[in-house]
Amino acid sequence: DIATTNAPTITGDGIKLGQQAHAGVTGMGFIQMMPVSDPKTGEIF
């Protein structure tokens, strides 16, 4: 149930499309948290 600052449409579609064409990926395990987000909505500002 962790919140996100992201728009709900940011779900990795482009990465999946690239992989359709056998694209390589790099650094996928590193996820950045925004420390100063709204506790309920994830909003920054």
All heavy atoms as atom14 arrays in JSON, in Angstrom:
{
  "sequence": "DIATTNAPTITGDGIKLGQQAHAGVTGMGFIQMMPVSDPKTGEIF",
  "atom14_mask": [
    [1, 1, 1, 1, 1, 1, 1, 1, 0, 0, 0, 0, 0, 0],
    [1, 1, 1, 1, 1, 1, 1, 1, 0, 0, 0, 0, 0, 0],
    [1, 1, 1, 1, 1, 0, 0, 0, 0, 0, 0, 0, 0, 0],
    [1, 1, 1, 1, 1, 1, 1, 0, 0, 0, 0, 0, 0, 0],
    [1, 1, 1, 1, 1, 1, 1, 0, 0, 0, 0, 0, 0, 0],
    [1, 1, 1, 1, 1, 1, 1, 1, 0, 0, 0, 0, 0, 0],
    [1, 1, 1, 1, 1, 0, 0, 0, 0, 0, 0, 0, 0, 0],
    [1, 1, 1, 1, 1, 1, 1, 0, 0, 0, 0, 0, 0, 0],
    [1, 1, 1, 1, 1, 1, 1, 0, 0, 0, 0, 0, 0, 0],
    [1, 1, 1, 1, 1, 1, 1, 1, 0, 0, 0, 0, 0, 0],
    [1, 1, 1, 1, 1, 1, 1, 0, 0, 0, 0, 0, 0, 0],
    [1, 1, 1, 1, 0, 0, 0, 0, 0, 0, 0, 0, 0, 0],
    [1, 1, 1, 1, 1, 1, 1, 1, 0, 0, 0, 0, 0, 0],
    [1, 1, 1, 1, 0, 0, 0, 0, 0, 0, 0, 0, 0, 0],
    [1, 1, 1, 1, 1, 1, 1, 1, 0, 0, 0, 0, 0, 0],
    [1, 1, 1, 1, 1, 1, 1, 1, 1, 0, 0, 0, 0, 0],
    [1, 1, 1, 1, 1, 1, 1, 1, 0, 0, 0, 0, 0, 0],
    [1, 1, 1, 1, 0, 0, 0, 0, 0, 0, 0, 0, 0, 0],
    [1, 1, 1, 1, 1, 1, 1, 1, 1, 0, 0, 0, 0, 0],
    [1, 1, 1, 1, 1, 1, 1, 1, 1, 0, 0, 0, 0, 0],
    [1, 1, 1, 1, 1, 0, 0, 0, 0, 0, 0, 0, 0, 0],
    [1, 1, 1, 1, 1, 1, 1, 1, 1, 1, 0, 0, 0, 0],
    [1, 1, 1, 1, 1, 0, 0, 0, 0, 0, 0, 0, 0, 0],
    [1, 1, 1, 1, 0, 0, 0, 0, 0, 0, 0, 0, 0, 0],
    [1, 1, 1, 1, 1, 1, 1, 0, 0, 0, 0, 0, 0, 0],
    [1, 1, 1, 1, 1, 1, 1, 0, 0, 0, 0, 0, 0, 0],
    [1, 1, 1, 1, 0, 0, 0, 0, 0, 0, 0, 0, 0, 0],
    [1, 1, 1, 1, 1, 1, 1, 1, 0, 0, 0, 0, 0, 0],
    [1, 1, 1, 1, 0, 0, 0, 0, 0, 0, 0, 0, 0, 0],
    [1, 1, 1, 1, 1, 1, 1, 1, 1, 1, 1, 0, 0, 0],
    [1, 1, 1, 1, 1, 1, 1, 1, 0, 0, 0, 0, 0, 0],
    [1, 1, 1, 1, 1, 1, 1, 1, 1, 0, 0, 0, 0, 0],
    [1, 1, 1, 1, 1, 1, 1, 1, 0, 0, 0, 0, 0, 0],
    [1, 1, 1, 1, 1, 1, 1, 1, 0, 0, 0, 0, 0, 0],
    [1, 1, 1, 1, 1, 1, 1, 0, 0, 0, 0, 0, 0, 0],
    [1, 1, 1, 1, 1, 1, 1, 0, 0, 0, 0, 0, 0, 0],
    [1, 1, 1, 1, 1, 1, 0, 0, 0, 0, 0, 0, 0, 0],
    [1, 1, 1, 1, 1, 1, 1, 1, 0, 0, 0, 0, 0, 0],
    [1, 1, 1, 1, 1, 1, 1, 0, 0, 0, 0, 0, 0, 0],
    [1, 1, 1, 1, 1, 1, 1, 1, 1, 0, 0, 0, 0, 0],
    [1, 1, 1, 1, 1, 1, 1, 0, 0, 0, 0, 0, 0, 0],
    [1, 1, 1, 1, 0, 0, 0, 0, 0, 0, 0, 0, 0, 0],
    [1, 1, 1, 1, 1, 1, 1, 1, 1, 0, 0, 0, 0, 0],
    [1, 1, 1, 1, 1, 1, 1, 1, 0, 0, 0, 0, 0, 0],
    [1, 1, 1, 1, 1, 1, 1, 1, 1, 1, 1, 0, 0, 0]
  ],
  "atom14_positions": [
    [[0.81, -1.22, 0.0], [0.0, 0.0, 0.0], [0.84, 1.27, 0.0], [0.33, 2.36, 0.3], [-0.94, 0.01, 1.2], [-0.2, -0.01, 2.54], [1.04, -0.2, 2.53], [-0.85, 0.16, 3.58], [0.0, 0.0, 0.0], [0.0, 0.0, 0.0], [0.0, 0.0, 0.0], [0.0, 0.0, 0.0], [0.0, 0.0, 0.0], [0.0, 0.0, 0.0]],
    [[2.1, 1.17, -0.35], [2.96, 2.36, -0.37], [2.43, 3.37, -1.38], [1.95, 3.01, -2.47], [4.42, 1.99, -0.68], [5.35, 3.19, -0.43], [4.58, 1.45, -2.1], [6.83, 2.84, -0.48], [0.0, 0.0, 0.0], [0.0, 0.0, 0.0], [0.0, 0.0, 0.0], [0.0, 0.0, 0.0], [0.0, 0.0, 0.0], [0.0, 0.0, 0.0]],
    [[2.49, 4.65, -1.02], [2.03, 5.7, -1.93], [3.09, 5.94, -3.0], [4.23, 5.5, -2.9], [1.76, 6.99, -1.15], [0.0, 0.0, 0.0], [0.0, 0.0, 0.0], [0.0, 0.0, 0.0], [0.0, 0.0, 0.0], [0.0, 0.0, 0.0], [0.0, 0.0, 0.0], [0.0, 0.0, 0.0], [0.0, 0.0, 0.0], [0.0, 0.0, 0.0]],
    [[2.69, 6.66, -4.05], [3.61, 7.03, -5.11], [3.35, 8.46, -5.53], [2.21, 8.94, -5.48], [3.48, 6.11, -6.33], [4.39, 6.55, -7.36], [2.06, 6.11, -6.9], [0.0, 0.0, 0.0], [0.0, 0.0, 0.0], [0.0, 0.0, 0.0], [0.0, 0.0, 0.0], [0.0, 0.0, 0.0], [0.0, 0.0, 0.0], [0.0, 0.0, 0.0]],
    [[4.4, 9.15, -5.91], [4.26, 10.51, -6.46], [3.88, 10.47, -7.93], [3.56, 11.49, -8.51], [5.59, 11.27, -6.34], [6.58, 10.64, -7.16], [6.09, 11.3, -4.9], [0.0, 0.0, 0.0], [0.0, 0.0, 0.0], [0.0, 0.0, 0.0], [0.0, 0.0, 0.0], [0.0, 0.0, 0.0], [0.0, 0.0, 0.0], [0.0, 0.0, 0.0]],
    [[3.92, 9.3, -8.52], [3.74, 9.16, -9.97], [2.29, 9.31, -10.4], [1.35, 8.99, -9.66], [4.22, 7.78, -10.43], [5.73, 7.67, -10.47], [6.31, 7.28, -11.47], [6.4, 7.99, -9.36], [0.0, 0.0, 0.0], [0.0, 0.0, 0.0], [0.0, 0.0, 0.0], [0.0, 0.0, 0.0], [0.0, 0.0, 0.0], [0.0, 0.0, 0.0]],
    [[2.12, 9.72, -11.65], [0.81, 9.63, -12.29], [0.43, 8.15, -12.38], [1.3, 7.3, -12.57], [0.85, 10.25, -13.68], [0.0, 0.0, 0.0], [0.0, 0.0, 0.0], [0.0, 0.0, 0.0], [0.0, 0.0, 0.0], [0.0, 0.0, 0.0], [0.0, 0.0, 0.0], [0.0, 0.0, 0.0], [0.0, 0.0, 0.0], [0.0, 0.0, 0.0]],
    [[-0.85, 7.81, -12.25], [-1.25, 6.39, -12.24], [-0.98, 5.67, -13.56], [-1.02, 4.45, -13.61], [-2.75, 6.45, -11.94], [-3.17, 7.83, -12.28], [-1.99, 8.71, -12.03], [0.0, 0.0, 0.0], [0.0, 0.0, 0.0], [0.0, 0.0, 0.0], [0.0, 0.0, 0.0], [0.0, 0.0, 0.0], [0.0, 0.0, 0.0], [0.0, 0.0, 0.0]],
    [[-0.69, 6.42, -14.61], [-0.42, 5.81, -15.91], [1.03, 5.4, -16.09], [1.38, 4.78, -17.11], [-0.8, 6.8, -17.04], [-0.17, 8.06, -16.77], [-2.31, 7.0, -17.09], [0.0, 0.0, 0.0], [0.0, 0.0, 0.0], [0.0, 0.0, 0.0], [0.0, 0.0, 0.0], [0.0, 0.0, 0.0], [0.0, 0.0, 0.0], [0.0, 0.0, 0.0]],
    [[1.89, 5.72, -15.12], [3.33, 5.43, -15.26], [3.58, 4.02, -14.76], [4.01, 3.8, -13.62], [4.17, 6.48, -14.5], [3.77, 7.89, -14.91], [5.66, 6.25, -14.76], [3.96, 8.2, -16.4], [0.0, 0.0, 0.0], [0.0, 0.0, 0.0], [0.0, 0.0, 0.0], [0.0, 0.0, 0.0], [0.0, 0.0, 0.0], [0.0, 0.0, 0.0]],
    [[3.33, 3.04, -15.63], [3.32, 1.63, -15.2], [4.32, 0.75, -15.95], [4.23, -0.47, -15.89], [1.91, 1.06, -15.37], [1.46, 1.28, -16.72], [0.92, 1.71, -14.42], [0.0, 0.0, 0.0], [0.0, 0.0, 0.0], [0.0, 0.0, 0.0], [0.0, 0.0, 0.0], [0.0, 0.0, 0.0], [0.0, 0.0, 0.0], [0.0, 0.0, 0.0]],
    [[5.26, 1.36, -16.66], [6.31, 0.57, -17.32], [5.98, 0.14, -18.74], [6.66, -0.73, -19.29], [0.0, 0.0, 0.0], [0.0, 0.0, 0.0], [0.0, 0.0, 0.0], [0.0, 0.0, 0.0], [0.0, 0.0, 0.0], [0.0, 0.0, 0.0], [0.0, 0.0, 0.0], [0.0, 0.0, 0.0], [0.0, 0.0, 0.0], [0.0, 0.0, 0.0]],
    [[4.97, 0.76, -19.36], [4.56, 0.36, -20.71], [5.7, 0.44, -21.72], [5.87, -0.46, -22.55], [3.4, 1.24, -21.2], [2.18, 1.15, -20.31], [2.25, 0.45, -19.29], [1.16, 1.78, -20.62], [0.0, 0.0, 0.0], [0.0, 0.0, 0.0], [0.0, 0.0, 0.0], [0.0, 0.0, 0.0], [0.0, 0.0, 0.0], [0.0, 0.0, 0.0]],
    [[6.46, 1.54, -21.67], [7.52, 1.73, -22.65], [8.62, 0.7, -22.53], [9.2, 0.26, -23.53], [0.0, 0.0, 0.0], [0.0, 0.0, 0.0], [0.0, 0.0, 0.0], [0.0, 0.0, 0.0], [0.0, 0.0, 0.0], [0.0, 0.0, 0.0], [0.0, 0.0, 0.0], [0.0, 0.0, 0.0], [0.0, 0.0, 0.0], [0.0, 0.0, 0.0]],
    [[8.93, 0.32, -21.29], [9.95, -0.72, -21.08], [9.47, -2.04, -21.67], [10.22, -2.75, -22.35], [10.27, -0.85, -19.58], [10.93, 0.44, -19.06], [11.19, -2.05, -19.33], [11.13, 0.48, -17.57], [0.0, 0.0, 0.0], [0.0, 0.0, 0.0], [0.0, 0.0, 0.0], [0.0, 0.0, 0.0], [0.0, 0.0, 0.0], [0.0, 0.0, 0.0]],
    [[8.21, -2.36, -21.45], [7.65, -3.6, -22.01], [7.65, -3.57, -23.53], [7.95, -4.57, -24.19], [6.23, -3.8, -21.48], [6.16, -4.02, -19.98], [4.71, -4.05, -19.49], [4.64, -4.12, -17.97], [3.24, -4.04, -17.47], [0.0, 0.0, 0.0], [0.0, 0.0, 0.0], [0.0, 0.0, 0.0], [0.0, 0.0, 0.0], [0.0, 0.0, 0.0]],
    [[7.34, -2.41, -24.12], [7.37, -2.28, -25.58], [8.79, -2.48, -26.1], [9.0, -3.15, -27.12], [6.83, -0.91, -26.01], [5.32, -0.68, -25.85], [4.98, 0.79, -26.08], [4.54, -1.56, -26.81], [0.0, 0.0, 0.0], [0.0, 0.0, 0.0], [0.0, 0.0, 0.0], [0.0, 0.0, 0.0], [0.0, 0.0, 0.0], [0.0, 0.0, 0.0]],
    [[9.75, -1.87, -25.43], [11.14, -2.04, -25.84], [11.58, -3.49, -25.78], [12.29, -3.99, -26.65], [0.0, 0.0, 0.0], [0.0, 0.0, 0.0], [0.0, 0.0, 0.0], [0.0, 0.0, 0.0], [0.0, 0.0, 0.0], [0.0, 0.0, 0.0], [0.0, 0.0, 0.0], [0.0, 0.0, 0.0], [0.0, 0.0, 0.0], [0.0, 0.0, 0.0]],
    [[11.12, -4.18, -24.75], [11.48, -5.59, -24.61], [10.84, -6.44, -25.7], [11.35, -7.52, -26.02], [11.09, -6.08, -23.21], [11.98, -5.5, -22.12], [11.55, -5.88, -20.71], [10.36, -5.93, -20.4], [12.52, -6.16, -19.85], [0.0, 0.0, 0.0], [0.0, 0.0, 0.0], [0.0, 0.0, 0.0], [0.0, 0.0, 0.0], [0.0, 0.0, 0.0]],
    [[9.72, -5.98, -26.28], [9.15, -6.67, -27.45], [10.17, -6.73, -28.59], [10.2, -7.68, -29.36], [7.89, -5.96, -27.95], [6.67, -6.08, -27.07], [5.49, -5.31, -27.66], [5.53, -4.85, -28.8], [4.45, -5.15, -26.85], [0.0, 0.0, 0.0], [0.0, 0.0, 0.0], [0.0, 0.0, 0.0], [0.0, 0.0, 0.0], [0.0, 0.0, 0.0]],
    [[10.99, -5.68, -28.65], [12.01, -5.6, -29.72], [13.36, -6.1, -29.22], [14.39, -5.81, -29.81], [12.13, -4.16, -30.21], [0.0, 0.0, 0.0], [0.0, 0.0, 0.0], [0.0, 0.0, 0.0], [0.0, 0.0, 0.0], [0.0, 0.0, 0.0], [0.0, 0.0, 0.0], [0.0, 0.0, 0.0], [0.0, 0.0, 0.0], [0.0, 0.0, 0.0]],
    [[13.34, -6.86, -28.1], [14.54, -7.49, -27.54], [15.54, -6.47, -27.0], [16.75, -6.71, -27.02], [15.21, -8.39, -28.58], [14.26, -9.36, -29.23], [13.63, -10.36, -28.53], [13.81, -9.45, -30.51], [12.83, -11.04, -29.35], [12.92, -10.51, -30.55], [0.0, 0.0, 0.0], [0.0, 0.0, 0.0], [0.0, 0.0, 0.0], [0.0, 0.0, 0.0]],
    [[15.03, -5.34, -26.5], [15.9, -4.33, -25.9], [16.48, -4.84, -24.59], [15.84, -5.6, -23.85], [15.12, -3.05, -25.67], [0.0, 0.0, 0.0], [0.0, 0.0, 0.0], [0.0, 0.0, 0.0], [0.0, 0.0, 0.0], [0.0, 0.0, 0.0], [0.0, 0.0, 0.0], [0.0, 0.0, 0.0], [0.0, 0.0, 0.0], [0.0, 0.0, 0.0]],
    [[17.69, -4.39, -24.28], [18.28, -4.68, -22.99], [17.79, -3.7, -21.95], [17.26, -2.62, -22.28], [0.0, 0.0, 0.0], [0.0, 0.0, 0.0], [0.0, 0.0, 0.0], [0.0, 0.0, 0.0], [0.0, 0.0, 0.0], [0.0, 0.0, 0.0], [0.0, 0.0, 0.0], [0.0, 0.0, 0.0], [0.0, 0.0, 0.0], [0.0, 0.0, 0.0]],
    [[17.93, -4.05, -20.68], [17.58, -3.15, -19.59], [18.77, -3.06, -18.64], [19.64, -3.94, -18.61], [16.33, -3.63, -18.81], [15.1, -3.56, -19.69], [16.53, -5.04, -18.26], [0.0, 0.0, 0.0], [0.0, 0.0, 0.0], [0.0, 0.0, 0.0], [0.0, 0.0, 0.0], [0.0, 0.0, 0.0], [0.0, 0.0, 0.0], [0.0, 0.0, 0.0]],
    [[18.8, -2.0, -17.86], [19.91, -1.79, -16.93], [19.42, -1.12, -15.66], [18.52, -0.28, -15.7], [21.01, -0.93, -17.59], [22.11, -0.81, -16.69], [20.51, 0.45, -17.95], [0.0, 0.0, 0.0], [0.0, 0.0, 0.0], [0.0, 0.0, 0.0], [0.0, 0.0, 0.0], [0.0, 0.0, 0.0], [0.0, 0.0, 0.0], [0.0, 0.0, 0.0]],
    [[19.98, -1.51, -14.53], [19.71, -0.84, -13.26], [18.3, -0.95, -12.74], [17.87, -0.12, -11.93], [0.0, 0.0, 0.0], [0.0, 0.0, 0.0], [0.0, 0.0, 0.0], [0.0, 0.0, 0.0], [0.0, 0.0, 0.0], [0.0, 0.0, 0.0], [0.0, 0.0, 0.0], [0.0, 0.0, 0.0], [0.0, 0.0, 0.0], [0.0, 0.0, 0.0]],
    [[17.58, -2.0, -13.11], [16.16, -2.07, -12.79], [15.86, -2.2, -11.3], [14.75, -1.88, -10.86], [15.53, -3.25, -13.54], [15.52, -3.11, -15.05], [14.4, -1.83, -15.63], [12.82, -2.64, -15.42], [0.0, 0.0, 0.0], [0.0, 0.0, 0.0], [0.0, 0.0, 0.0], [0.0, 0.0, 0.0], [0.0, 0.0, 0.0], [0.0, 0.0, 0.0]],
    [[16.8, -2.64, -10.51], [16.52, -2.87, -9.09], [16.57, -1.63, -8.22], [16.17, -1.68, -7.06], [0.0, 0.0, 0.0], [0.0, 0.0, 0.0], [0.0, 0.0, 0.0], [0.0, 0.0, 0.0], [0.0, 0.0, 0.0], [0.0, 0.0, 0.0], [0.0, 0.0, 0.0], [0.0, 0.0, 0.0], [0.0, 0.0, 0.0], [0.0, 0.0, 0.0]],
    [[17.05, -0.51, -8.77], [17.24, 0.69, -7.96], [16.01, 1.59, -8.06], [15.72, 2.17, -9.12], [18.51, 1.43, -8.39], [19.75, 0.7, -7.98], [20.33, -0.23, -8.83], [20.32, 0.92, -6.74], [21.48, -0.93, -8.46], [21.46, 0.22, -6.34], [22.03, -0.7, -7.21], [0.0, 0.0, 0.0], [0.0, 0.0, 0.0], [0.0, 0.0, 0.0]],
    [[15.28, 1.7, -6.97], [14.03, 2.45, -6.89], [14.24, 3.64, -5.95], [14.68, 3.46, -4.81], [12.89, 1.57, -6.35], [12.85, 0.21, -7.05], [11.56, 2.31, -6.42], [12.61, 0.25, -8.54], [0.0, 0.0, 0.0], [0.0, 0.0, 0.0], [0.0, 0.0, 0.0], [0.0, 0.0, 0.0], [0.0, 0.0, 0.0], [0.0, 0.0, 0.0]],
    [[13.94, 4.84, -6.43], [14.1, 6.0, -5.57], [12.8, 6.35, -4.86], [11.73, 6.35, -5.47], [14.54, 7.23, -6.38], [14.8, 8.45, -5.5], [15.38, 9.61, -6.27], [14.66, 10.35, -6.93], [16.7, 9.77, -6.2], [0.0, 0.0, 0.0], [0.0, 0.0, 0.0], [0.0, 0.0, 0.0], [0.0, 0.0, 0.0], [0.0, 0.0, 0.0]],
    [[12.91, 6.62, -3.58], [11.8, 7.13, -2.78], [11.91, 8.65, -2.69], [13.01, 9.19, -2.58], [11.82, 6.54, -1.38], [11.73, 5.03, -1.31], [10.1, 4.44, -1.75], [10.4, 2.65, -1.79], [0.0, 0.0, 0.0], [0.0, 0.0, 0.0], [0.0, 0.0, 0.0], [0.0, 0.0, 0.0], [0.0, 0.0, 0.0], [0.0, 0.0, 0.0]],
    [[10.78, 9.33, -2.76], [10.75, 10.75, -2.44], [10.47, 10.85, -0.95], [9.37, 10.52, -0.5], [9.68, 11.49, -3.23], [9.46, 12.93, -2.79], [10.97, 13.96, -2.74], [11.17, 14.28, -4.48], [0.0, 0.0, 0.0], [0.0, 0.0, 0.0], [0.0, 0.0, 0.0], [0.0, 0.0, 0.0], [0.0, 0.0, 0.0], [0.0, 0.0, 0.0]],
    [[11.45, 11.27, -0.16], [11.28, 11.23, 1.3], [10.22, 12.19, 1.8], [9.58, 11.92, 2.83], [12.67, 11.6, 1.82], [13.33, 12.32, 0.7], [12.79, 11.73, -0.56], [0.0, 0.0, 0.0], [0.0, 0.0, 0.0], [0.0, 0.0, 0.0], [0.0, 0.0, 0.0], [0.0, 0.0, 0.0], [0.0, 0.0, 0.0], [0.0, 0.0, 0.0]],
    [[10.01, 13.32, 1.1], [9.12, 14.36, 1.63], [7.78, 14.36, 0.9], [7.32, 15.37, 0.37], [9.79, 15.75, 1.54], [10.92, 15.84, 2.54], [10.31, 16.05, 0.14], [0.0, 0.0, 0.0], [0.0, 0.0, 0.0], [0.0, 0.0, 0.0], [0.0, 0.0, 0.0], [0.0, 0.0, 0.0], [0.0, 0.0, 0.0], [0.0, 0.0, 0.0]],
    [[7.11, 13.21, 0.9], [5.81, 13.07, 0.23], [4.67, 13.11, 1.23], [4.85, 12.82, 2.42], [5.76, 11.75, -0.55], [6.77, 11.71, -1.54], [0.0, 0.0, 0.0], [0.0, 0.0, 0.0], [0.0, 0.0, 0.0], [0.0, 0.0, 0.0], [0.0, 0.0, 0.0], [0.0, 0.0, 0.0], [0.0, 0.0, 0.0], [0.0, 0.0, 0.0]],
    [[3.48, 13.44, 0.72], [2.28, 13.43, 1.55], [2.0, 12.0, 2.01], [2.01, 11.07, 1.2], [1.09, 13.97, 0.75], [-0.15, 14.13, 1.59], [-0.79, 13.11, 1.9], [-0.5, 15.28, 1.91], [0.0, 0.0, 0.0], [0.0, 0.0, 0.0], [0.0, 0.0, 0.0], [0.0, 0.0, 0.0], [0.0, 0.0, 0.0], [0.0, 0.0, 0.0]],
    [[1.76, 11.77, 3.3], [1.58, 10.4, 3.81], [0.42, 9.65, 3.16], [0.47, 8.42, 3.06], [1.33, 10.61, 5.31], [1.92, 11.93, 5.62], [1.73, 12.76, 4.39], [0.0, 0.0, 0.0], [0.0, 0.0, 0.0], [0.0, 0.0, 0.0], [0.0, 0.0, 0.0], [0.0, 0.0, 0.0], [0.0, 0.0, 0.0], [0.0, 0.0, 0.0]],
    [[-0.63, 10.36, 2.76], [-1.8, 9.7, 2.2], [-1.79, 9.63, 0.68], [-2.11, 8.6, 0.09], [-3.07, 10.42, 2.67], [-3.31, 10.32, 4.17], [-4.61, 11.0, 4.56], [-4.87, 10.88, 6.07], [-6.14, 11.57, 6.47], [0.0, 0.0, 0.0], [0.0, 0.0, 0.0], [0.0, 0.0, 0.0], [0.0, 0.0, 0.0], [0.0, 0.0, 0.0]],
    [[-1.44, 10.73, 0.04], [-1.58, 10.81, -1.42], [-0.28, 10.6, -2.18], [-0.29, 10.36, -3.38], [-2.15, 12.19, -1.81], [-1.18, 13.2, -1.49], [-3.44, 12.47, -1.07], [0.0, 0.0, 0.0], [0.0, 0.0, 0.0], [0.0, 0.0, 0.0], [0.0, 0.0, 0.0], [0.0, 0.0, 0.0], [0.0, 0.0, 0.0], [0.0, 0.0, 0.0]],
    [[0.87, 10.75, -1.5], [2.15, 10.71, -2.19], [2.51, 12.02, -2.84], [3.6, 12.16, -3.4], [0.0, 0.0, 0.0], [0.0, 0.0, 0.0], [0.0, 0.0, 0.0], [0.0, 0.0, 0.0], [0.0, 0.0, 0.0], [0.0, 0.0, 0.0], [0.0, 0.0, 0.0], [0.0, 0.0, 0.0], [0.0, 0.0, 0.0], [0.0, 0.0, 0.0]],
    [[1.63, 13.0, -2.77], [1.87, 14.29, -3.42], [3.11, 14.96, -2.82], [3.38, 14.86, -1.62], [0.66, 15.2, -3.23], [0.78, 16.55, -3.91], [-0.35, 17.49, -3.54], [-1.22, 17.09, -2.75], [-0.36, 18.62, -4.05], [0.0, 0.0, 0.0], [0.0, 0.0, 0.0], [0.0, 0.0, 0.0], [0.0, 0.0, 0.0], [0.0, 0.0, 0.0]],
    [[3.85, 15.65, -3.67], [5.06, 16.33, -3.2], [4.75, 17.71, -2.65], [5.26, 18.12, -1.62], [6.09, 16.46, -4.34], [6.41, 15.09, -4.93], [7.36, 17.12, -3.84], [7.3, 15.16, -6.15], [0.0, 0.0, 0.0], [0.0, 0.0, 0.0], [0.0, 0.0, 0.0], [0.0, 0.0, 0.0], [0.0, 0.0, 0.0], [0.0, 0.0, 0.0]],
    [[3.89, 18.45, -3.35], [3.78, 19.87, -3.04], [2.54, 20.25, -2.25], [1.87, 21.22, -2.54], [3.9, 20.7, -4.32], [5.31, 20.69, -4.82], [5.68, 19.83, -5.83], [6.27, 21.47, -4.23], [7.0, 19.78, -6.26], [7.6, 21.42, -4.64], [7.95, 20.57, -5.67], [0.0, 0.0, 0.0], [0.0, 0.0, 0.0], [0.0, 0.0, 0.0]]
  ]
}
